């Protein structure tokens, strides 16, 4: 929004580059809280609806879920910063 009108087309390109860096190098530094996976699995077994709402971009979020083994059968809904409201 802060770019001059003639440079607006470059915003998407910049976001794509930053998202890729964060979802690779940034993800290498990410760690899961102790017992987080076990707690989420317990809540799932107790039939709770589990939603992940994050201000992180989709690429980082889904790669992180894969990294920590949380991509399948845990969350009923995942909403990232890239999702439209």
PDB file of N, CA and C in Angstrom:
ATOM      1  N   UNK A   1       0.809  -1.198   0.000  1.00  0.00           N
ATOM      2  CA  UNK A   1       0.000   0.000   0.000  1.00  0.00           C
ATOM      3  C   UNK A   1       0.851   1.259   0.000  1.00  0.00           C
ATOM      4  N   UNK A   2       2.095   1.142   0.480  1.00  0.00           N
ATOM      5  CA  UNK A   2       2.957   2.307   0.578  1.00  0.00           C
ATOM      6  C   UNK A   2       3.781   2.535  -0.686  1.00  0.00           C
ATOM      7  N   UNK A   3       3.715   1.590  -1.610  1.00  0.00           N
ATOM      8  CA  UNK A   3       4.468   1.750  -2.847  1.00  0.00           C
ATOM      9  C   UNK A   3       3.845   2.819  -3.728  1.00  0.00           C
ATOM     10  N   UNK A   4       4.690   3.550  -4.454  1.00  0.00           N
ATOM     11  CA  UNK A   4       4.133   4.483  -5.436  1.00  0.00           C
ATOM     12  C   UNK A   4       3.317   3.710  -6.473  1.00  0.00           C
ATOM     13  N   UNK A   5       2.327   4.323  -7.016  1.00  0.00           N
ATOM     14  CA  UNK A   5       1.411   3.657  -7.954  1.00  0.00           C
ATOM     15  C   UNK A   5       2.155   2.945  -9.077  1.00  0.00           C
ATOM     16  N   UNK A   6       3.197   3.550  -9.608  1.00  0.00           N
ATOM     17  CA  UNK A   6       3.917   2.941 -10.729  1.00  0.00           C
ATOM     18  C   UNK A   6       4.721   1.698 -10.308  1.00  0.00           C
ATOM     19  N   UNK A   7       4.883   1.456  -9.002  1.00  0.00           N
ATOM     20  CA  UNK A   7       5.639   0.308  -8.501  1.00  0.00           C
ATOM     21  C   UNK A   7       4.753  -0.784  -7.892  1.00  0.00           C
ATOM     22  N   UNK A   8       3.445  -0.599  -7.886  1.00  0.00           N
ATOM     23  CA  UNK A   8       2.522  -1.542  -7.241  1.00  0.00           C
ATOM     24  C   UNK A   8       2.666  -2.969  -7.781  1.00  0.00           C
ATOM     25  N   UNK A   9       2.973  -3.099  -9.047  1.00  0.00           N
ATOM     26  CA  UNK A   9       3.091  -4.426  -9.649  1.00  0.00           C
ATOM     27  C   UNK A   9       4.235  -5.239  -9.027  1.00  0.00           C
ATOM     28  N   UNK A  10       5.172  -4.577  -8.388  1.00  0.00           N
ATOM     29  CA  UNK A  10       6.315  -5.259  -7.792  1.00  0.00           C
ATOM     30  C   UNK A  10       6.008  -5.826  -6.410  1.00  0.00           C
ATOM     31  N   UNK A  11       4.911  -5.432  -5.807  1.00  0.00           N
ATOM     32  CA  UNK A  11       4.584  -5.883  -4.452  1.00  0.00           C
ATOM     33  C   UNK A  11       4.404  -7.390  -4.391  1.00  0.00           C
ATOM     34  N   UNK A  12       3.688  -7.956  -5.333  1.00  0.00           N
ATOM     35  CA  UNK A  12       3.457  -9.408  -5.334  1.00  0.00           C
ATOM     36  C   UNK A  12       4.770 -10.163  -5.514  1.00  0.00           C
ATOM     37  N   UNK A  13       5.621  -9.642  -6.365  1.00  0.00           N
ATOM     38  CA  UNK A  13       6.922 -10.272  -6.591  1.00  0.00           C
ATOM     39  C   UNK A  13       7.746 -10.268  -5.299  1.00  0.00           C
ATOM     40  N   UNK A  14       7.758  -9.142  -4.612  1.00  0.00           N
ATOM     41  CA  UNK A  14       8.489  -9.041  -3.353  1.00  0.00           C
ATOM     42  C   UNK A  14       7.935  -9.958  -2.285  1.00  0.00           C
ATOM     43  N   UNK A  15       6.626 -10.032  -2.186  1.00  0.00           N
ATOM     44  CA  UNK A  15       5.996 -10.924  -1.202  1.00  0.00           C
ATOM     45  C   UNK A  15       6.367 -12.367  -1.469  1.00  0.00           C
ATOM     46  N   UNK A  16       6.379 -12.749  -2.731  1.00  0.00           N
ATOM     47  CA  UNK A  16       6.721 -14.124  -3.089  1.00  0.00           C
ATOM     48  C   UNK A  16       8.152 -14.451  -2.672  1.00  0.00           C
ATOM     49  N   UNK A  17       9.066 -13.546  -2.887  1.00  0.00           N
ATOM     50  CA  UNK A  17      10.466 -13.756  -2.506  1.00  0.00           C
ATOM     51  C   UNK A  17      10.597 -13.870  -0.991  1.00  0.00           C
ATOM     52  N   UNK A  18       9.970 -12.968  -0.266  1.00  0.00           N
ATOM     53  CA  UNK A  18      10.046 -12.988   1.197  1.00  0.00           C
ATOM     54  C   UNK A  18       9.401 -14.255   1.757  1.00  0.00           C
ATOM     55  N   UNK A  19       8.237 -14.637   1.230  1.00  0.00           N
ATOM     56  CA  UNK A  19       7.560 -15.856   1.687  1.00  0.00           C
ATOM     57  C   UNK A  19       8.443 -17.082   1.501  1.00  0.00           C
ATOM     58  N   UNK A  20       9.156 -17.155   0.391  1.00  0.00           N
ATOM     59  CA  UNK A  20      10.034 -18.300   0.127  1.00  0.00           C
ATOM     60  C   UNK A  20      11.193 -18.339   1.120  1.00  0.00           C
ATOM     61  N   UNK A  21      11.785 -17.199   1.418  1.00  0.00           N
ATOM     62  CA  UNK A  21      12.888 -17.147   2.387  1.00  0.00           C
ATOM     63  C   UNK A  21      12.402 -17.564   3.774  1.00  0.00           C
ATOM     64  N   UNK A  22      11.279 -17.007   4.192  1.00  0.00           N
ATOM     65  CA  UNK A  22      10.737 -17.321   5.520  1.00  0.00           C
ATOM     66  C   UNK A  22      10.370 -18.797   5.619  1.00  0.00           C
ATOM     67  N   UNK A  23       9.800 -19.354   4.556  1.00  0.00           N
ATOM     68  CA  UNK A  23       9.336 -20.740   4.625  1.00  0.00           C
ATOM     69  C   UNK A  23      10.467 -21.755   4.460  1.00  0.00           C
ATOM     70  N   UNK A  24      11.682 -21.297   4.208  1.00  0.00           N
ATOM     71  CA  UNK A  24      12.830 -22.216   4.146  1.00  0.00           C
ATOM     72  C   UNK A  24      13.770 -21.920   5.310  1.00  0.00           C
ATOM     73  N   UNK A  25      14.492 -20.819   5.231  1.00  0.00           N
ATOM     74  CA  UNK A  25      15.449 -20.468   6.281  1.00  0.00           C
ATOM     75  C   UNK A  25      14.754 -20.191   7.611  1.00  0.00           C
ATOM     76  N   UNK A  26      13.637 -19.511   7.567  1.00  0.00           N
ATOM     77  CA  UNK A  26      12.896 -19.215   8.795  1.00  0.00           C
ATOM     78  C   UNK A  26      12.351 -20.474   9.434  1.00  0.00           C
ATOM     79  N   UNK A  27      11.886 -21.381   8.633  1.00  0.00           N
ATOM     80  CA  UNK A  27      11.315 -22.628   9.149  1.00  0.00           C
ATOM     81  C   UNK A  27      12.368 -23.512   9.801  1.00  0.00           C
ATOM     82  N   UNK A  28      13.615 -23.403   9.321  1.00  0.00           N
ATOM     83  CA  UNK A  28      14.700 -24.171   9.937  1.00  0.00           C
ATOM     84  C   UNK A  28      14.886 -23.775  11.404  1.00  0.00           C
ATOM     85  N   UNK A  29      14.575 -22.537  11.736  1.00  0.00           N
ATOM     86  CA  UNK A  29      14.746 -22.038  13.097  1.00  0.00           C
ATOM     87  C   UNK A  29      13.527 -22.279  13.980  1.00  0.00           C
ATOM     88  N   UNK A  30      12.432 -22.669  13.390  1.00  0.00           N
ATOM     89  CA  UNK A  30      11.191 -22.876  14.148  1.00  0.00           C
ATOM     90  C   UNK A  30      11.274 -24.162  14.962  1.00  0.00           C
ATOM     91  N   UNK A  31      10.638 -24.136  16.118  1.00  0.00           N
ATOM     92  CA  UNK A  31      10.566 -25.345  16.952  1.00  0.00           C
ATOM     93  C   UNK A  31       9.155 -25.467  17.511  1.00  0.00           C
ATOM     94  N   UNK A  32       8.786 -26.673  17.821  1.00  0.00           N
ATOM     95  CA  UNK A  32       7.464 -26.955  18.359  1.00  0.00           C
ATOM     96  C   UNK A  32       7.538 -26.946  19.882  1.00  0.00           C
ATOM     97  N   UNK A  33       6.561 -26.364  20.517  1.00  0.00           N
ATOM     98  CA  UNK A  33       6.509 -26.358  21.975  1.00  0.00           C
ATOM     99  C   UNK A  33       6.449 -27.789  22.499  1.00  0.00           C
ATOM    100  N   UNK A  34       7.096 -28.048  23.631  1.00  0.00           N
ATOM    101  CA  UNK A  34       7.046 -29.397  24.195  1.00  0.00           C
ATOM    102  C   UNK A  34       5.600 -29.854  24.416  1.00  0.00           C
ATOM    103  N   UNK A  35       5.322 -31.058  24.080  1.00  0.00           N
ATOM    104  CA  UNK A  35       4.021 -31.701  24.273  1.00  0.00           C
ATOM    105  C   UNK A  35       2.899 -31.141  23.396  1.00  0.00           C
ATOM    106  N   UNK A  36       3.191 -30.214  22.494  1.00  0.00           N
ATOM    107  CA  UNK A  36       2.137 -29.613  21.669  1.00  0.00           C
ATOM    108  C   UNK A  36       1.417 -30.663  20.833  1.00  0.00           C
ATOM    109  N   UNK A  37       2.182 -31.521  20.186  1.00  0.00           N
ATOM    110  CA  UNK A  37       1.564 -32.537  19.324  1.00  0.00           C
ATOM    111  C   UNK A  37       0.698 -33.492  20.153  1.00  0.00           C
ATOM    112  N   UNK A  38       1.190 -33.901  21.284  1.00  0.00           N
ATOM    113  CA  UNK A  38       0.442 -34.816  22.142  1.00  0.00           C
ATOM    114  C   UNK A  38      -0.856 -34.176  22.638  1.00  0.00           C
ATOM    115  N   UNK A  39      -0.803 -32.917  22.995  1.00  0.00           N
ATOM    116  CA  UNK A  39      -1.998 -32.215  23.464  1.00  0.00           C
ATOM    117  C   UNK A  39      -3.025 -32.087  22.349  1.00  0.00           C
ATOM    118  N   UNK A  40      -2.563 -31.716  21.153  1.00  0.00           N
ATOM    119  CA  UNK A  40      -3.481 -31.606  20.016  1.00  0.00           C
ATOM    120  C   UNK A  40      -4.115 -32.957  19.681  1.00  0.00           C
ATOM    121  N   UNK A  41      -3.320 -34.013  19.724  1.00  0.00           N
ATOM    122  CA  UNK A  41      -3.861 -35.349  19.451  1.00  0.00           C
ATOM    123  C   UNK A  41      -4.882 -35.766  20.517  1.00  0.00           C
ATOM    124  N   UNK A  42      -4.630 -35.412  21.757  1.00  0.00           N
ATOM    125  CA  UNK A  42      -5.576 -35.723  22.836  1.00  0.00           C
ATOM    126  C   UNK A  42      -6.884 -34.972  22.629  1.00  0.00           C
ATOM    127  N   UNK A  43      -6.801 -33.696  22.278  1.00  0.00           N
ATOM    128  CA  UNK A  43      -8.008 -32.912  22.002  1.00  0.00           C
ATOM    129  C   UNK A  43      -8.779 -33.497  20.823  1.00  0.00           C
ATOM    130  N   UNK A  44      -8.070 -33.939  19.818  1.00  0.00           N
ATOM    131  CA  UNK A  44      -8.697 -34.563  18.638  1.00  0.00           C
ATOM    132  C   UNK A  44      -9.458 -35.820  19.062  1.00  0.00           C
ATOM    133  N   UNK A  45      -8.844 -36.645  19.901  1.00  0.00           N
ATOM    134  CA  UNK A  45      -9.492 -37.874  20.371  1.00  0.00           C
ATOM    135  C   UNK A  45     -10.726 -37.569  21.221  1.00  0.00           C
ATOM    136  N   UNK A  46     -10.712 -36.423  21.895  1.00  0.00           N
ATOM    137  CA  UNK A  46     -11.855 -36.005  22.721  1.00  0.00           C
ATOM    138  C   UNK A  46     -12.948 -35.341  21.885  1.00  0.00           C
ATOM    139  N   UNK A  47     -12.755 -35.316  20.568  1.00  0.00           N
ATOM    140  CA  UNK A  47     -13.750 -34.804  19.603  1.00  0.00           C
ATOM    141  C   UNK A  47     -13.904 -33.288  19.610  1.00  0.00           C
ATOM    142  N   UNK A  48     -12.871 -32.569  20.046  1.00  0.00           N
ATOM    143  CA  UNK A  48     -12.908 -31.113  19.948  1.00  0.00           C
ATOM    144  C   UNK A  48     -12.652 -30.690  18.501  1.00  0.00           C
ATOM    145  N   UNK A  49     -13.281 -29.593  18.098  1.00  0.00           N
ATOM    146  CA  UNK A  49     -12.941 -28.972  16.824  1.00  0.00           C
ATOM    147  C   UNK A  49     -11.671 -28.170  17.062  1.00  0.00           C
ATOM    148  N   UNK A  50     -10.698 -28.336  16.169  1.00  0.00           N
ATOM    149  CA  UNK A  50      -9.423 -27.646  16.337  1.00  0.00           C
ATOM    150  C   UNK A  50      -9.160 -26.798  15.101  1.00  0.00           C
ATOM    151  N   UNK A  51      -8.946 -25.500  15.344  1.00  0.00           N
ATOM    152  CA  UNK A  51      -8.726 -24.541  14.261  1.00  0.00           C
ATOM    153  C   UNK A  51      -7.390 -23.847  14.494  1.00  0.00           C
ATOM    154  N   UNK A  52      -6.620 -23.697  13.431  1.00  0.00           N
ATOM    155  CA  UNK A  52      -5.386 -22.925  13.478  1.00  0.00           C
ATOM    156  C   UNK A  52      -5.627 -21.614  12.747  1.00  0.00           C
ATOM    157  N   UNK A  53      -5.520 -20.514  13.469  1.00  0.00           N
ATOM    158  CA  UNK A  53      -5.661 -19.176  12.903  1.00  0.00           C
ATOM    159  C   UNK A  53      -4.324 -18.477  13.113  1.00  0.00           C
ATOM    160  N   UNK A  54      -3.666 -18.089  12.023  1.00  0.00           N
ATOM    161  CA  UNK A  54      -2.330 -17.515  12.122  1.00  0.00           C
ATOM    162  C   UNK A  54      -2.166 -16.315  11.204  1.00  0.00           C
ATOM    163  N   UNK A  55      -1.289 -15.404  11.605  1.00  0.00           N
ATOM    164  CA  UNK A  55      -0.963 -14.283  10.730  1.00  0.00           C
ATOM    165  C   UNK A  55       0.244 -14.602   9.849  1.00  0.00           C
ATOM    166  N   UNK A  56       0.701 -15.846   9.892  1.00  0.00           N
ATOM    167  CA  UNK A  56       1.784 -16.298   9.017  1.00  0.00           C
ATOM    168  C   UNK A  56       1.216 -16.619   7.642  1.00  0.00           C
ATOM    169  N   UNK A  57       2.083 -16.524   6.628  1.00  0.00           N
ATOM    170  CA  UNK A  57       1.625 -16.825   5.273  1.00  0.00           C
ATOM    171  C   UNK A  57       1.406 -18.335   5.109  1.00  0.00           C
ATOM    172  N   UNK A  58       0.685 -18.705   4.080  1.00  0.00           N
ATOM    173  CA  UNK A  58       0.304 -20.094   3.855  1.00  0.00           C
ATOM    174  C   UNK A  58       1.514 -20.998   3.622  1.00  0.00           C
ATOM    175  N   UNK A  59       2.481 -20.536   2.848  1.00  0.00           N
ATOM    176  CA  UNK A  59       3.645 -21.359   2.541  1.00  0.00           C
ATOM    177  C   UNK A  59       4.375 -21.746   3.820  1.00  0.00           C
ATOM    178  N   UNK A  60       4.650 -20.792   4.687  1.00  0.00           N
ATOM    179  CA  UNK A  60       5.315 -21.056   5.965  1.00  0.00           C
ATOM    180  C   UNK A  60       4.463 -21.966   6.840  1.00  0.00           C
ATOM    181  N   UNK A  61       3.183 -21.677   6.921  1.00  0.00           N
ATOM    182  CA  UNK A  61       2.281 -22.435   7.794  1.00  0.00           C
ATOM    183  C   UNK A  61       2.216 -23.901   7.388  1.00  0.00           C
ATOM    184  N   UNK A  62       1.951 -24.166   6.125  1.00  0.00           N
ATOM    185  CA  UNK A  62       1.784 -25.557   5.687  1.00  0.00           C
ATOM    186  C   UNK A  62       3.101 -26.323   5.695  1.00  0.00           C
ATOM    187  N   UNK A  63       4.203 -25.653   5.385  1.00  0.00           N
ATOM    188  CA  UNK A  63       5.504 -26.324   5.496  1.00  0.00           C
ATOM    189  C   UNK A  63       5.825 -26.626   6.952  1.00  0.00           C
ATOM    190  N   UNK A  64       5.456 -25.729   7.849  1.00  0.00           N
ATOM    191  CA  UNK A  64       5.665 -25.963   9.271  1.00  0.00           C
ATOM    192  C   UNK A  64       4.832 -27.124   9.793  1.00  0.00           C
ATOM    193  N   UNK A  65       3.593 -27.192   9.359  1.00  0.00           N
ATOM    194  CA  UNK A  65       2.735 -28.313   9.763  1.00  0.00           C
ATOM    195  C   UNK A  65       3.315 -29.635   9.290  1.00  0.00           C
ATOM    196  N   UNK A  66       3.849 -29.654   8.084  1.00  0.00           N
ATOM    197  CA  UNK A  66       4.508 -30.864   7.565  1.00  0.00           C
ATOM    198  C   UNK A  66       5.736 -31.202   8.408  1.00  0.00           C
ATOM    199  N   UNK A  67       6.555 -30.198   8.663  1.00  0.00           N
ATOM    200  CA  UNK A  67       7.799 -30.405   9.425  1.00  0.00           C
ATOM    201  C   UNK A  67       7.522 -31.044  10.778  1.00  0.00           C
ATOM    202  N   UNK A  68       6.470 -30.603  11.441  1.00  0.00           N
ATOM    203  CA  UNK A  68       6.182 -31.074  12.789  1.00  0.00           C
ATOM    204  C   UNK A  68       5.169 -32.221  12.836  1.00  0.00           C
ATOM    205  N   UNK A  69       4.815 -32.751  11.674  1.00  0.00           N
ATOM    206  CA  UNK A  69       3.894 -33.888  11.634  1.00  0.00           C
ATOM    207  C   UNK A  69       2.476 -33.527  12.026  1.00  0.00           C
ATOM    208  N   UNK A  70       2.064 -32.305  11.735  1.00  0.00           N
ATOM    209  CA  UNK A  70       0.730 -31.838  12.102  1.00  0.00           C
ATOM    210  C   UNK A  70      -0.146 -31.538  10.890  1.00  0.00           C
ATOM    211  N   UNK A  71       0.278 -31.971   9.733  1.00  0.00           N
ATOM    212  CA  UNK A  71      -0.433 -31.609   8.502  1.00  0.00           C
ATOM    213  C   UNK A  71      -1.705 -32.424   8.285  1.00  0.00           C
ATOM    214  N   UNK A  72      -1.786 -33.589   8.890  1.00  0.00           N
ATOM    215  CA  UNK A  72      -2.935 -34.459   8.626  1.00  0.00           C
ATOM    216  C   UNK A  72      -3.641 -34.842   9.920  1.00  0.00           C
ATOM    217  N   UNK A  73      -4.942 -34.844   9.868  1.00  0.00           N
ATOM    218  CA  UNK A  73      -5.800 -35.376  10.931  1.00  0.00           C
ATOM    219  C   UNK A  73      -5.712 -34.643  12.269  1.00  0.00           C
ATOM    220  N   UNK A  74      -5.281 -33.393  12.263  1.00  0.00           N
ATOM    221  CA  UNK A  74      -5.250 -32.629  13.511  1.00  0.00           C
ATOM    222  C   UNK A  74      -6.222 -31.458  13.438  1.00  0.00           C
ATOM    223  N   UNK A  75      -6.047 -30.600  12.437  1.00  0.00           N
ATOM    224  CA  UNK A  75      -6.839 -29.375  12.358  1.00  0.00           C
ATOM    225  C   UNK A  75      -8.062 -29.545  11.466  1.00  0.00           C
ATOM    226  N   UNK A  76      -9.195 -29.054  11.969  1.00  0.00           N
ATOM    227  CA  UNK A  76     -10.415 -29.051  11.171  1.00  0.00           C
ATOM    228  C   UNK A  76     -10.392 -27.922  10.151  1.00  0.00           C
ATOM    229  N   UNK A  77      -9.694 -26.853  10.493  1.00  0.00           N
ATOM    230  CA  UNK A  77      -9.628 -25.678   9.628  1.00  0.00           C
ATOM    231  C   UNK A  77      -8.315 -24.958   9.903  1.00  0.00           C
ATOM    232  N   UNK A  78      -7.664 -24.512   8.825  1.00  0.00           N
ATOM    233  CA  UNK A  78      -6.453 -23.696   8.931  1.00  0.00           C
ATOM    234  C   UNK A  78      -6.706 -22.403   8.160  1.00  0.00           C
ATOM    235  N   UNK A  79      -6.512 -21.274   8.837  1.00  0.00           N
ATOM    236  CA  UNK A  79      -6.682 -19.957   8.200  1.00  0.00           C
ATOM    237  C   UNK A  79      -5.357 -19.218   8.334  1.00  0.00           C
ATOM    238  N   UNK A  80      -4.792 -18.830   7.196  1.00  0.00           N
ATOM    239  CA  UNK A  80      -3.518 -18.129   7.186  1.00  0.00           C
ATOM    240  C   UNK A  80      -3.708 -16.681   6.760  1.00  0.00           C
ATOM    241  N   UNK A  81      -2.637 -15.921   6.793  1.00  0.00           N
ATOM    242  CA  UNK A  81      -2.680 -14.524   6.387  1.00  0.00           C
ATOM    243  C   UNK A  81      -3.040 -14.373   4.899  1.00  0.00           C
ATOM    244  N   UNK A  82      -2.818 -15.409   4.129  1.00  0.00           N
ATOM    245  CA  UNK A  82      -3.108 -15.350   2.695  1.00  0.00           C
ATOM    246  C   UNK A  82      -4.564 -15.658   2.351  1.00  0.00           C
ATOM    247  N   UNK A  83      -5.316 -16.138   3.331  1.00  0.00           N
ATOM    248  CA  UNK A  83      -6.706 -16.518   3.062  1.00  0.00           C
ATOM    249  C   UNK A  83      -7.608 -15.280   3.074  1.00  0.00           C
ATOM    250  N   UNK A  84      -8.506 -15.209   2.100  1.00  0.00           N
ATOM    251  CA  UNK A  84      -9.430 -14.075   2.076  1.00  0.00           C
ATOM    252  C   UNK A  84     -10.515 -14.224   3.143  1.00  0.00           C
ATOM    253  N   UNK A  85     -10.980 -13.105   3.641  1.00  0.00           N
ATOM    254  CA  UNK A  85     -12.067 -13.137   4.635  1.00  0.00           C
ATOM    255  C   UNK A  85     -13.316 -12.590   4.010  1.00  0.00           C
TER     256      UNK A  85
END
